[in-house]
Amino acid sequence: MTEVAPQPTGARRQGHYGTLALEENVNKQHASPESIIKALNQLSQTIEAMAIVVNRLKRSVEHDSNQAAVAAAEADQHCDRKLH
């Protein structure tokens, strides 16, 4: 199975700061609508980046699963040939 290196550090960092910015703006008594919108846009970009990472991981897992299925089928065929 192929090991996938944890690559979402940038997305994780961006999400962390986007969430902090949103919390700071919402917690301020006089938060401007523009700053809240900016924080929400950052959060939206973070979610999109995380979706890309999740889709890459999903494809990687599917690929590994397919490789395992092919290897198992080949092993079964090899065993069948040995038995007959």
Foldseek 3Di string as FASTA:
>chain_A
DDDDDPDCPVLVVLLVVLVVQLVVQVPDPDRDPVSNVVSVVSNVVSVVSVVVVVVVVVVVVVVVVVVVVVVVVVVVVVVVVVVD
